[in-house]
Amino acid sequence: MTTSPRWRSVLTPAAMAAALAAAALASGGTVYADDHATPHPPYPSKPVHPAHAPQPAHPAKPEHPGKPMHPVKPEQPVKPMHPVKPEHPGKPAKPEYPAKPAHPDKPMHPVKPEYPAKPVKPEHPVKPVHPDKPVKPEYPAKPVKPEYPAKPVHPAKPVYPAKPVKPEYPVKPVKPEYPAHPVKPEYPAKPVYPAKPEYPAKPVKPEYPAKPEYPAKPEYPAKPVKPEYPAKPAYPEKPAKPEYPAKPAYPEKPAYPAKPAKPEYPAKPAYPEKPAKPEYPAKPAYPAKPAKPEYPAKPAYPEKPAKPEYPAKPAYPAKPAKPEYPAKPAYPAKPAKPEYPAKPAYPEKPAKPEYPAKPAYPAKPAKPAYPAKPAHPEKPAYPAKPAKPEYPSKPAHPAKPTKPDYPSKPAHPAKPDYPSKPAHPAKPAKPDYPSKPAHPDKPAKPDYPSKPAHPDKPSHPDKPSHPDKPDYPSKPTHTKHQDKDQW
């Protein structure tokens, strides 16, 4: 148990708790008695709980030795103030750029030469005539389909009243004829272009020289064996961990007093007997349903006749050989291309002016020295680490063999000059198209007669009324849970 004053204020005496419980039970009993006509007997109050035994004093804890005071930190020296930054001199004025010289005029393009007339296209060879297709053989006649059995006679349908006669609509007026379209004028004949000149044959491409054979690659010497590393030295053993002092034994807890015996509850009163349930009247029997008539037997379908075999398919005739096309005519030589006039030289650019000399910045003030730092206490010396053994020296790699010189590549042959292109011929002037004639006016649309009104639909005959349903006996009324006392 704790000896804190906060916990002692929370604990209440047993007598006050018993009195509060008795008051709550008594108030609940009075409310229950007011609500019901036959109240229950009052609930017995709990017996008074005996007072708690005095608790033994907790053994005092041994005093803990005081912690040593932290050493006083030395005062931090005051840092000097930063020197005032000198004002930056103003930037010098930027000199003006010289005016750009005028660009010279571009030379005029040379006149495009006339193209020669295109060569006449040769006529295609006559297409061969395909042979006639073979005559299709006649298939055998299909077997006669057997007749199905006669359908059963359905009962006669009732005669519906005759539908009213539909009125005749008036005849539509005749559509007037539109005037004939004007005749389209003929365009002038297309001019004939001049013949195209023959181009010269292309020069033959020279063959490249054969690739020279390279010398065989020398074999590299085998790599030396890697030596084994020396054994690692053993580290010194760690000191044994000291044992902690024995834990003191806690005092024994006092025994709690025995709980008093719980009194028995009074016997519960018996509930009154429920009234006997009345018997319901017997349910009337439903009339028997009429027997369902059987469907007539389904007639058997006749057997299907066997499918006849089709005659063998005739072989297709061999296709005729495709004729060879005539040889393509050689292209004429291209005319020589005229040389363009020499490009004029651009004027020399003016010399760039030199920028003025930058002014010298003022000298920065000397930075003051910081005060000396206080000396720290000496650290204890750690034991010396064992000396690391030296690794054996690596063997020298053998020298690589010298790379042989490759033979020089042969020079490429000079490219021949292409001939100049011929001048293009001038295109003929395009003729003016004749003006289109004006369309004739459309005739006015005639007024259509108004549609006649639809006649009224005849009334349908009245449907026969359904017979009234028989009166079923009413359900008996329940007398249970009608009064509030039976809830």
Protein backbone atom coordinates (compact mmCIF):
# COMPACT_ATOMS: atom_id res chain seq x y z
CA MET A 1 0.00 0.00 0.00
CA THR A 2 1.17 3.54 -0.73
CA THR A 3 1.46 6.30 1.89
CA SER A 4 0.76 9.17 -0.54
CA PRO A 5 -1.71 11.83 0.82
CA ARG A 6 -3.47 11.89 -2.57
CA TRP A 7 -4.45 8.20 -2.30
CA ARG A 8 -5.46 8.60 1.40
CA SER A 9 -7.98 11.34 0.44
CA VAL A 10 -9.61 9.07 -2.18
CA LEU A 11 -10.30 6.14 0.24
CA THR A 12 -13.79 6.50 1.85
CA PRO A 13 -14.99 4.77 5.04
CA ALA A 14 -16.93 1.51 4.64
CA ALA A 15 -19.89 2.86 6.64
CA MET A 16 -20.46 5.77 4.22
CA ALA A 17 -20.38 3.36 1.22
CA ALA A 18 -22.94 1.05 2.86
CA ALA A 19 -25.26 3.99 3.66
CA LEU A 20 -25.12 5.27 0.07
CA ALA A 21 -25.93 1.77 -1.30
CA ALA A 22 -28.91 1.41 1.08
CA ALA A 23 -30.28 4.86 0.10
CA ALA A 24 -30.06 3.99 -3.64
CA LEU A 25 -31.88 0.67 -3.14
CA ALA A 26 -34.60 2.29 -1.05
CA SER A 27 -35.23 5.05 -3.64
CA GLY A 28 -35.39 2.44 -6.46
CA GLY A 29 -37.93 0.38 -4.51
CA THR A 30 -40.31 3.34 -4.07
CA VAL A 31 -40.24 4.13 -7.81
CA TYR A 32 -40.98 0.47 -8.68
CA ALA A 33 -43.89 0.40 -6.16
CA ASP A 34 -45.50 3.52 -7.68
CA ASP A 35 -45.41 2.01 -11.20
CA HIS A 36 -46.90 -1.43 -10.36
CA ALA A 37 -50.00 -2.39 -8.38
CA THR A 38 -48.29 -5.33 -6.62
CA PRO A 39 -44.80 -4.09 -5.52
CA HIS A 40 -41.98 -6.45 -4.56
CA PRO A 41 -40.66 -6.60 -0.96
CA PRO A 42 -37.78 -4.15 -0.22
CA TYR A 43 -34.24 -5.39 -0.95
CA PRO A 44 -32.21 -6.15 2.25
CA SER A 45 -29.31 -3.79 2.90
CA LYS A 46 -25.66 -4.96 2.94
CA PRO A 47 -23.97 -5.56 6.34
CA VAL A 48 -21.44 -3.05 7.63
CA HIS A 49 -17.90 -3.80 6.37
CA PRO A 50 -15.31 -4.10 9.18
CA ALA A 51 -12.66 -1.41 9.41
CA HIS A 52 -9.25 -2.04 7.78
CA ALA A 53 -6.38 -3.13 10.04
CA PRO A 54 -3.59 -0.59 10.60
CA GLN A 55 -0.79 -1.02 8.07
CA PRO A 56 2.86 -1.39 9.09
CA ALA A 57 5.22 1.44 8.27
CA HIS A 58 7.28 1.04 5.07
CA PRO A 59 11.02 0.61 5.72
CA ALA A 60 12.95 3.76 4.99
CA LYS A 61 15.15 3.76 1.87
CA PRO A 62 18.89 4.28 2.36
CA GLU A 63 20.12 7.75 1.47
CA HIS A 64 21.65 8.04 -2.01
CA PRO A 65 25.08 9.67 -2.13
CA GLY A 66 24.97 13.13 -3.69
CA LYS A 67 26.08 13.59 -7.29
CA PRO A 68 29.31 15.55 -7.88
CA MET A 69 28.84 19.10 -9.17
CA HIS A 70 29.67 19.83 -12.79
CA PRO A 71 32.81 21.95 -13.24
CA VAL A 72 32.13 25.62 -13.97
CA LYS A 73 32.45 26.35 -17.69
CA PRO A 74 34.97 29.07 -18.57
CA GLU A 75 33.50 32.32 -19.82
CA GLN A 76 33.35 32.56 -23.61
CA PRO A 77 35.42 35.48 -24.89
CA VAL A 78 33.47 38.27 -26.58
CA LYS A 79 33.69 38.05 -30.38
CA PRO A 80 34.91 41.21 -32.12
CA MET A 81 32.46 43.16 -34.26
CA HIS A 82 32.62 42.76 -38.05
CA PRO A 83 34.32 45.71 -39.78
CA VAL A 84 32.14 48.12 -41.74
CA LYS A 85 31.94 47.11 -45.43
CA PRO A 86 33.35 49.83 -47.72
CA GLU A 87 31.06 51.35 -50.34
CA HIS A 88 31.42 49.84 -53.81
CA PRO A 89 32.49 52.32 -56.50
CA GLY A 90 29.95 52.94 -59.26
CA LYS A 91 30.17 50.96 -62.52
CA PRO A 92 31.78 52.81 -65.47
CA ALA A 93 29.53 54.03 -68.30
CA LYS A 94 29.07 51.46 -71.08
CA PRO A 95 30.41 52.68 -74.46
CA GLU A 96 28.04 52.87 -77.41
CA TYR A 97 28.31 50.17 -80.10
CA PRO A 98 29.28 51.37 -83.60
CA ALA A 99 26.55 51.44 -86.27
CA LYS A 100 26.23 48.25 -88.35
CA PRO A 101 27.25 48.56 -92.03
CA ALA A 102 24.60 48.20 -94.73
CA HIS A 103 24.24 44.65 -96.11
CA PRO A 104 25.07 44.32 -99.85
CA ASP A 105 22.27 43.42 -102.27
CA LYS A 106 21.86 39.73 -103.18
CA PRO A 107 22.55 38.73 -106.82
CA MET A 108 19.66 37.86 -109.08
CA HIS A 109 18.89 34.17 -109.76
CA PRO A 110 19.79 32.94 -113.27
CA VAL A 111 16.99 32.25 -115.74
CA LYS A 112 15.76 28.63 -115.55
CA PRO A 113 16.53 26.71 -118.82
CA GLU A 114 13.83 24.99 -120.86
CA TYR A 115 13.30 21.26 -120.33
CA PRO A 116 13.40 19.01 -123.44
CA ALA A 117 10.25 17.16 -124.58
CA LYS A 118 9.42 13.77 -123.00
CA PRO A 119 10.00 10.61 -125.13
CA VAL A 120 7.00 8.78 -126.63
CA LYS A 121 5.69 5.95 -124.39
CA PRO A 122 5.70 2.50 -126.16
CA GLU A 123 2.42 0.62 -126.56
CA HIS A 124 1.64 -2.38 -124.31
CA PRO A 125 1.51 -5.85 -125.97
CA VAL A 126 -1.87 -7.40 -126.77
CA LYS A 127 -3.27 -9.52 -123.89
CA PRO A 128 -3.73 -13.27 -124.78
CA VAL A 129 -7.26 -14.74 -124.97
CA HIS A 130 -8.12 -17.10 -122.09
CA PRO A 131 -9.56 -20.54 -122.99
CA ASP A 132 -13.25 -21.29 -122.47
CA LYS A 133 -14.34 -22.65 -119.07
CA PRO A 134 -15.50 -26.33 -118.94
CA VAL A 135 -19.24 -27.09 -118.97
CA LYS A 136 -20.73 -27.60 -115.49
CA PRO A 137 -22.09 -31.19 -115.02
CA GLU A 138 -25.74 -31.73 -114.13
CA TYR A 139 -26.47 -32.73 -110.52
CA PRO A 140 -28.94 -35.60 -109.79
CA ALA A 141 -32.52 -34.66 -109.01
CA LYS A 142 -33.41 -34.12 -105.32
CA PRO A 143 -35.77 -36.68 -103.71
CA VAL A 144 -39.43 -35.75 -103.25
CA LYS A 145 -40.23 -34.39 -99.78
CA PRO A 146 -42.87 -36.53 -97.98
CA GLU A 147 -46.07 -34.92 -96.87
CA TYR A 148 -46.53 -34.07 -93.22
CA PRO A 149 -49.58 -35.43 -91.35
CA ALA A 150 -52.70 -33.28 -91.34
CA LYS A 151 -52.92 -30.63 -88.64
CA PRO A 152 -55.69 -30.98 -86.02
CA VAL A 153 -58.74 -28.78 -86.58
CA HIS A 154 -58.81 -25.75 -84.27
CA PRO A 155 -62.11 -24.45 -82.91
CA ALA A 156 -63.79 -21.71 -84.93
CA LYS A 157 -62.74 -18.14 -84.02
CA PRO A 158 -65.50 -15.69 -83.00
CA VAL A 159 -66.61 -13.26 -85.70
CA TYR A 160 -65.34 -9.70 -84.99
CA PRO A 161 -67.40 -6.69 -86.09
CA ALA A 162 -66.50 -5.33 -89.54
CA LYS A 163 -63.89 -2.51 -89.67
CA PRO A 164 -65.05 0.89 -91.01
CA VAL A 165 -64.25 1.73 -94.64
CA LYS A 166 -61.09 3.87 -95.03
CA PRO A 167 -61.87 7.21 -96.80
CA GLU A 168 -60.16 7.90 -100.12
CA TYR A 169 -57.45 10.61 -100.19
CA PRO A 170 -57.58 13.29 -102.97
CA VAL A 171 -55.34 12.82 -106.03
CA LYS A 172 -51.95 14.64 -105.80
CA PRO A 173 -51.41 17.49 -108.33
CA VAL A 174 -49.09 16.86 -111.32
CA LYS A 175 -45.47 18.09 -110.73
CA PRO A 176 -44.46 20.79 -113.29
CA GLU A 177 -41.52 20.05 -115.60
CA TYR A 178 -38.21 21.85 -114.93
CA PRO A 179 -36.48 23.68 -117.86
CA ALA A 180 -33.65 21.82 -119.64
CA HIS A 181 -30.05 22.38 -118.38
CA PRO A 182 -27.84 24.64 -120.58
CA VAL A 183 -25.26 22.93 -122.83
CA LYS A 184 -21.72 22.94 -121.31
CA PRO A 185 -19.16 24.73 -123.61
CA GLU A 186 -16.14 22.79 -124.89
CA TYR A 187 -12.67 23.68 -123.48
CA PRO A 188 -9.79 24.50 -125.88
CA ALA A 189 -7.31 21.72 -126.81
CA LYS A 190 -4.25 21.17 -124.53
CA PRO A 191 -0.92 22.45 -126.03
CA VAL A 192 1.78 19.91 -126.99
CA TYR A 193 5.00 20.06 -124.91
CA PRO A 194 8.41 19.98 -126.70
CA ALA A 195 10.40 16.70 -126.89
CA LYS A 196 12.75 15.88 -123.97
CA PRO A 197 16.50 15.65 -124.88
CA GLU A 198 18.44 12.41 -124.36
CA TYR A 199 20.61 12.23 -121.21
CA PRO A 200 24.24 10.93 -121.37
CA ALA A 201 25.07 7.48 -119.95
CA LYS A 202 26.31 7.33 -116.31
CA PRO A 203 30.09 6.61 -115.82
CA VAL A 204 31.14 3.12 -114.67
CA LYS A 205 31.98 2.90 -110.90
CA PRO A 206 35.66 1.79 -110.35
CA GLU A 207 36.35 -1.34 -108.27
CA TYR A 208 37.99 -0.93 -104.83
CA PRO A 209 41.34 -2.74 -104.18
CA ALA A 210 41.36 -6.00 -102.16
CA LYS A 211 41.82 -5.79 -98.35
CA PRO A 212 45.42 -6.70 -97.23
CA GLU A 213 45.98 -9.62 -94.79
CA TYR A 214 46.91 -8.61 -91.21
CA PRO A 215 49.73 -10.43 -89.28
CA ALA A 216 48.80 -13.07 -86.68
CA LYS A 217 48.22 -11.85 -83.05
CA PRO A 218 51.00 -12.94 -80.58
CA GLU A 219 50.10 -15.07 -77.51
CA TYR A 220 50.30 -13.42 -74.04
CA PRO A 221 52.45 -15.13 -71.30
CA ALA A 222 50.68 -16.94 -68.41
CA LYS A 223 49.83 -14.90 -65.24
CA PRO A 224 51.97 -15.57 -62.06
CA VAL A 225 50.45 -17.45 -59.07
CA LYS A 226 49.07 -15.15 -56.28
CA PRO A 227 50.92 -15.66 -52.89
CA GLU A 228 49.01 -16.54 -49.71
CA TYR A 229 48.41 -13.85 -47.04
CA PRO A 230 50.08 -14.28 -43.56
CA ALA A 231 47.99 -15.44 -40.58
CA LYS A 232 46.09 -12.74 -38.61
CA PRO A 233 47.49 -12.04 -35.04
CA ALA A 234 45.28 -12.98 -32.05
CA TYR A 235 43.66 -10.11 -30.10
CA PRO A 236 44.25 -9.89 -26.25
CA GLU A 237 41.53 -11.40 -23.99
CA LYS A 238 38.86 -9.08 -22.49
CA PRO A 239 38.87 -8.63 -18.63
CA ALA A 240 36.24 -10.56 -16.59
CA LYS A 241 32.99 -8.66 -15.73
CA PRO A 242 32.63 -7.92 -11.92
CA GLU A 243 29.62 -9.39 -10.07
CA TYR A 244 26.80 -7.10 -8.88
CA PRO A 245 26.01 -6.96 -5.09
CA ALA A 246 23.14 -9.15 -3.79
CA LYS A 247 19.61 -7.62 -3.86
CA PRO A 248 18.10 -6.92 -0.33
CA ALA A 249 15.04 -9.02 0.67
CA TYR A 250 11.69 -7.20 0.84
CA PRO A 251 9.53 -7.49 4.08
CA GLU A 252 6.65 -9.97 4.01
CA LYS A 253 3.15 -8.67 3.17
CA PRO A 254 0.47 -8.87 5.95
CA ALA A 255 -2.42 -11.37 5.47
CA TYR A 256 -5.82 -9.91 4.48
CA PRO A 257 -8.85 -10.63 6.81
CA ALA A 258 -11.38 -13.26 5.64
CA LYS A 259 -14.45 -12.01 3.67
CA PRO A 260 -17.82 -12.28 5.52
CA ALA A 261 -20.40 -14.84 4.27
CA LYS A 262 -22.92 -13.51 1.72
CA PRO A 263 -26.60 -13.66 2.99
CA GLU A 264 -29.14 -15.66 1.00
CA TYR A 265 -31.73 -13.86 -1.17
CA PRO A 266 -35.46 -14.25 -0.25
CA ALA A 267 -37.55 -16.65 -2.34
CA LYS A 268 -39.08 -15.17 -5.52
CA PRO A 269 -42.96 -15.07 -5.54
CA ALA A 270 -44.75 -17.32 -8.07
CA TYR A 271 -46.27 -15.68 -11.21
CA PRO A 272 -50.10 -16.00 -11.64
CA GLU A 273 -51.27 -18.64 -14.09
CA LYS A 274 -52.00 -17.56 -17.71
CA PRO A 275 -55.61 -17.94 -18.98
CA ALA A 276 -56.35 -20.86 -21.32
CA LYS A 277 -56.04 -20.13 -25.07
CA PRO A 278 -59.44 -20.33 -26.90
CA GLU A 279 -59.75 -22.82 -29.74
CA TYR A 280 -59.98 -21.48 -33.34
CA PRO A 281 -62.91 -22.58 -35.58
CA ALA A 282 -62.18 -25.29 -38.14
CA LYS A 283 -60.90 -24.10 -41.53
CA PRO A 284 -63.33 -24.84 -44.45
CA ALA A 285 -62.09 -27.32 -47.08
CA TYR A 286 -61.21 -25.97 -50.58
CA PRO A 287 -63.18 -27.43 -53.55
CA ALA A 288 -61.37 -30.15 -55.53
CA LYS A 289 -59.54 -29.05 -58.71
CA PRO A 290 -60.72 -30.59 -62.02
CA ALA A 291 -58.43 -33.17 -63.66
CA LYS A 292 -56.14 -31.84 -66.42
CA PRO A 293 -56.94 -33.38 -69.87
CA GLU A 294 -54.16 -35.31 -71.59
CA TYR A 295 -52.51 -33.95 -74.75
CA PRO A 296 -53.02 -35.97 -77.99
CA ALA A 297 -50.12 -38.22 -79.05
CA LYS A 298 -47.49 -36.56 -81.30
CA PRO A 299 -47.26 -38.11 -84.81
CA ALA A 300 -43.93 -39.71 -85.77
CA TYR A 301 -41.75 -37.80 -88.29
CA PRO A 302 -40.91 -39.63 -91.57
CA GLU A 303 -37.31 -40.80 -92.07
CA LYS A 304 -34.95 -38.52 -93.99
CA PRO A 305 -33.69 -39.88 -97.37
CA ALA A 306 -29.96 -40.70 -97.77
CA LYS A 307 -27.78 -37.85 -99.10
CA PRO A 308 -26.48 -38.58 -102.68
CA GLU A 309 -22.76 -38.33 -103.44
CA TYR A 310 -21.59 -35.32 -105.50
CA PRO A 311 -19.67 -35.99 -108.76
CA ALA A 312 -15.89 -35.45 -108.82
CA LYS A 313 -14.71 -31.87 -109.44
CA PRO A 314 -13.08 -31.40 -112.92
CA ALA A 315 -9.43 -30.24 -113.09
CA TYR A 316 -8.71 -26.58 -113.98
CA PRO A 317 -7.06 -25.97 -117.41
CA ALA A 318 -3.39 -24.89 -117.50
CA LYS A 319 -2.78 -21.11 -117.50
CA PRO A 320 -1.17 -19.62 -120.67
CA ALA A 321 2.43 -18.37 -120.47
CA LYS A 322 2.86 -14.67 -119.71
CA PRO A 323 4.38 -12.73 -122.68
CA GLU A 324 7.59 -10.80 -122.17
CA TYR A 325 7.49 -6.99 -122.04
CA PRO A 326 9.52 -5.07 -124.65
CA ALA A 327 12.93 -3.71 -123.62
CA LYS A 328 12.92 -0.31 -121.88
CA PRO A 329 14.46 2.50 -124.01
CA ALA A 330 17.68 4.13 -122.74
CA TYR A 331 17.37 7.55 -121.10
CA PRO A 332 18.83 10.46 -123.10
CA ALA A 333 21.89 12.31 -121.79
CA LYS A 334 21.21 15.22 -119.41
CA PRO A 335 22.19 18.70 -120.72
CA ALA A 336 25.09 20.56 -119.07
CA LYS A 337 24.22 22.65 -115.97
CA PRO A 338 25.09 26.39 -116.34
CA GLU A 339 27.53 27.91 -113.87
CA TYR A 340 26.24 30.39 -111.28
CA PRO A 341 27.86 33.88 -111.10
CA ALA A 342 30.55 34.43 -108.46
CA LYS A 343 29.31 35.56 -105.00
CA PRO A 344 30.41 39.13 -104.05
CA ALA A 345 32.76 39.48 -101.08
CA TYR A 346 31.31 40.82 -97.81
CA PRO A 347 32.76 44.16 -96.49
CA GLU A 348 35.27 43.95 -93.66
CA LYS A 349 33.91 44.29 -90.11
CA PRO A 350 35.05 47.39 -88.14
CA ALA A 351 37.47 46.89 -85.27
CA LYS A 352 35.84 46.41 -81.80
CA PRO A 353 36.58 49.37 -79.42
CA GLU A 354 38.50 48.60 -76.23
CA TYR A 355 36.68 48.78 -72.89
CA PRO A 356 37.96 51.38 -70.33
CA ALA A 357 40.24 50.12 -67.54
CA LYS A 358 38.44 48.82 -64.39
CA PRO A 359 39.02 51.03 -61.25
CA ALA A 360 40.98 49.45 -58.39
CA TYR A 361 38.97 48.33 -55.34
CA PRO A 362 40.03 49.79 -51.89
CA ALA A 363 42.14 47.51 -49.66
CA LYS A 364 40.20 45.35 -47.16
CA PRO A 365 40.89 45.98 -43.39
CA ALA A 366 42.94 43.36 -41.53
CA LYS A 367 40.89 40.67 -39.71
CA PRO A 368 41.40 40.78 -35.87
CA ALA A 369 42.87 37.66 -34.27
CA TYR A 370 40.54 35.43 -32.16
CA PRO A 371 41.50 34.90 -28.46
CA ALA A 372 43.39 31.73 -27.60
CA LYS A 373 41.26 28.62 -26.89
CA PRO A 374 41.39 27.15 -23.31
CA ALA A 375 43.48 23.99 -22.99
CA HIS A 376 41.50 20.72 -22.66
CA PRO A 377 42.49 18.13 -20.03
CA GLU A 378 44.77 15.37 -21.25
CA LYS A 379 43.12 12.16 -22.47
CA PRO A 380 44.23 8.81 -20.97
CA ALA A 381 46.62 6.82 -23.13
CA TYR A 382 45.08 3.82 -24.96
CA PRO A 383 47.03 0.54 -25.21
CA ALA A 384 49.14 0.24 -28.33
CA LYS A 385 47.65 -1.73 -31.25
CA PRO A 386 49.61 -4.79 -32.48
CA ALA A 387 51.81 -4.11 -35.47
CA LYS A 388 50.20 -5.03 -38.80
CA PRO A 389 52.34 -7.55 -40.76
CA GLU A 390 53.63 -6.46 -44.12
CA TYR A 391 52.07 -8.01 -47.22
CA PRO A 392 54.44 -9.72 -49.66
CA SER A 393 55.41 -7.65 -52.67
CA LYS A 394 53.46 -8.24 -55.88
CA PRO A 395 55.38 -9.88 -58.78
CA ALA A 396 56.10 -7.71 -61.78
CA HIS A 397 53.82 -8.21 -64.79
CA PRO A 398 55.54 -9.31 -68.00
CA ALA A 399 55.96 -6.68 -70.71
CA LYS A 400 53.28 -6.59 -73.40
CA PRO A 401 54.42 -7.42 -76.97
CA THR A 402 54.71 -4.53 -79.40
CA LYS A 403 51.73 -3.97 -81.69
CA PRO A 404 52.55 -4.54 -85.42
CA ASP A 405 52.04 -1.69 -87.89
CA TYR A 406 48.97 -2.05 -90.14
CA PRO A 407 49.48 -1.59 -93.92
CA SER A 408 48.44 1.77 -95.34
CA LYS A 409 44.98 2.06 -96.94
CA PRO A 410 44.79 2.55 -100.76
CA ALA A 411 43.73 5.97 -102.09
CA HIS A 412 40.12 6.33 -103.39
CA PRO A 413 39.76 7.05 -107.14
CA ALA A 414 38.75 10.56 -108.20
CA LYS A 415 35.02 11.16 -108.73
CA PRO A 416 34.03 12.17 -112.36
CA ASP A 417 32.31 15.53 -113.01
CA TYR A 418 28.55 15.42 -113.79
CA PRO A 419 27.34 17.11 -117.05
CA SER A 420 25.46 20.42 -116.81
CA LYS A 421 21.63 20.46 -116.96
CA PRO A 422 19.87 21.84 -120.13
CA ALA A 423 17.67 24.95 -120.01
CA HIS A 424 13.92 24.45 -119.39
CA PRO A 425 11.51 25.49 -122.23
CA ALA A 426 9.01 28.24 -121.53
CA LYS A 427 5.50 27.08 -120.58
CA PRO A 428 2.66 28.08 -123.03
CA ALA A 429 0.12 30.69 -121.89
CA LYS A 430 -3.04 29.30 -120.24
CA PRO A 431 -6.23 30.10 -122.30
CA ASP A 432 -9.14 31.98 -120.70
CA TYR A 433 -12.15 29.82 -119.82
CA PRO A 434 -15.55 30.93 -121.28
CA SER A 435 -18.03 32.49 -118.85
CA LYS A 436 -20.77 30.24 -117.50
CA PRO A 437 -24.40 30.97 -118.63
CA ALA A 438 -26.92 32.11 -116.02
CA HIS A 439 -29.30 29.46 -114.63
CA PRO A 440 -33.02 29.93 -115.54
CA ASP A 441 -35.47 30.87 -112.78
CA LYS A 442 -37.19 27.99 -111.00
CA PRO A 443 -41.04 27.79 -111.37
CA ALA A 444 -43.19 28.70 -108.38
CA LYS A 445 -44.28 25.79 -106.16
CA PRO A 446 -48.08 25.06 -106.42
CA ASP A 447 -50.26 25.10 -103.31
CA TYR A 448 -51.07 21.57 -102.14
CA PRO A 449 -54.68 20.87 -100.95
CA SER A 450 -55.17 20.42 -97.22
CA LYS A 451 -55.34 16.88 -95.84
CA PRO A 452 -58.87 15.53 -95.05
CA ALA A 453 -59.74 14.87 -91.44
CA HIS A 454 -59.45 11.27 -90.25
CA PRO A 455 -62.82 9.58 -89.48
CA ASP A 456 -63.56 8.58 -85.90
CA LYS A 457 -62.58 5.05 -84.89
CA PRO A 458 -65.51 2.67 -84.11
CA SER A 459 -65.96 1.68 -80.52
CA HIS A 460 -64.76 -1.79 -79.53
CA PRO A 461 -67.35 -4.29 -78.23
CA ASP A 462 -67.59 -4.58 -74.44
CA LYS A 463 -65.66 -7.41 -72.80
CA PRO A 464 -67.65 -9.93 -70.67
CA SER A 465 -67.51 -9.27 -66.95
CA HIS A 466 -65.62 -11.66 -64.66
CA PRO A 467 -67.73 -13.74 -62.20
CA ASP A 468 -67.62 -12.63 -58.56
CA LYS A 469 -65.26 -14.45 -56.18
CA PRO A 470 -66.89 -16.58 -53.41
CA ASP A 471 -66.97 -15.07 -49.90
CA TYR A 472 -64.25 -16.70 -47.77
CA PRO A 473 -64.91 -17.09 -44.00
CA SER A 474 -63.41 -14.26 -41.96
CA LYS A 475 -60.41 -14.89 -39.70
CA PRO A 476 -61.06 -15.12 -35.93
CA THR A 477 -59.95 -12.17 -33.79
CA HIS A 478 -57.12 -12.68 -31.28
CA THR A 479 -57.79 -11.78 -27.63
CA LYS A 480 -54.14 -12.08 -26.54
CA HIS A 481 -52.20 -8.94 -25.47
CA GLN A 482 -55.26 -6.68 -25.63
CA ASP A 483 -55.08 -5.52 -22.03
CA LYS A 484 -52.04 -3.73 -20.55
CA ASP A 485 -51.90 -6.21 -17.63
CA GLN A 486 -51.13 -9.08 -20.07
CA TRP A 487 -47.99 -7.41 -21.50
